[in-house]
Amino acid sequence: MGSYVTVRGLRTYYEVQGEGEPLLLLHGGGVTADSWYAQLPVLAQHYRVYVPERRGHGRTPDVDGPISFPLMADDTAAFIEELGLGPVRVVGWSDGGIVAIHLTLRRPDLVSRQVLIGAGVTMDGATEATLELVSDANRDVLTQMFYGPYAALSPDGPAHFPVVLEKLMRMWQAGPLLQLEDLSEVTTPTLVMQGDHDGTTVEHSLAMTRTLPDAQLAVVPGASHALPLEKPELVNLMLLDFLREEQQMLVFPLS
């Protein structure tokens, strides 16, 4: 079910489904709440799931000024507070994962557990293919990827797409605006998840897990940056396992 709420002056679209404790799904860059179609019905059997669309994405309008990860984290914090949801479980995919990290660093009181899917914290963690994709030379490729849904849903109209794409490209090229050591301040239990052919290197995800004080790592074989769509049953199983309140006790830890 789609609804709107005004946060920080932004008329924000969100979908909500299910009953129980709140769970927030944060979509990737250039896409919409619809990208969670393989997760939302399953997770909604256990949680009340909220899926907001960020500024310049989907049915939420763009506003003057740049788009940045810290800015969208502040928008997300305001969304949580406006609806009285916190603390919440948060699952972020790609850009949504980077927004989740900034949110947890800025407002740890609002996040109880978090899952980061295909999200690195530095440009050093990106694969060569990722860096090439967000380069100016690939503007036409990115337009082909994102224009259709934008034109169909944006309240700003199709003609505004080049403005939003330019903002997103500048944000992607600047990177997450974090350092690996920043993660040492995150006490929130975290699951770092990625495909073995993702846009973030496995080495970087391992470094993230080792820097986070309370973290788990899941590398899914035979999967790409579209992991939640490629292997939804496996992803949903891991999400439900990690998000539950009581965790399985380790029987034979050797590290």
Foldseek 3Di string as FASTA:
>chain_A
DWDWDAFPNWTKIKDKAAADAEEEEEEAPLEALCLCVLQVVVVRPPHTYMYIAFDPYFQIHHDPDFDALLVRLVRVVRVCVVVVRFQHEYEYAHSGLLSVVSNCLVCVRNYQAYEYELYFQFPVQFDPVLLVCLDPVNLVVVCVVRQPSCQVGYPVHSVCVVVNSVRVSVRVNVGSPDDLLSLLPRQRAYEYEYEPAERGHPVRSVSSQVNHPHYHYYYHYPDYSSRCVVCVVVVNVVCVQVPDPDHDDDDDDDD
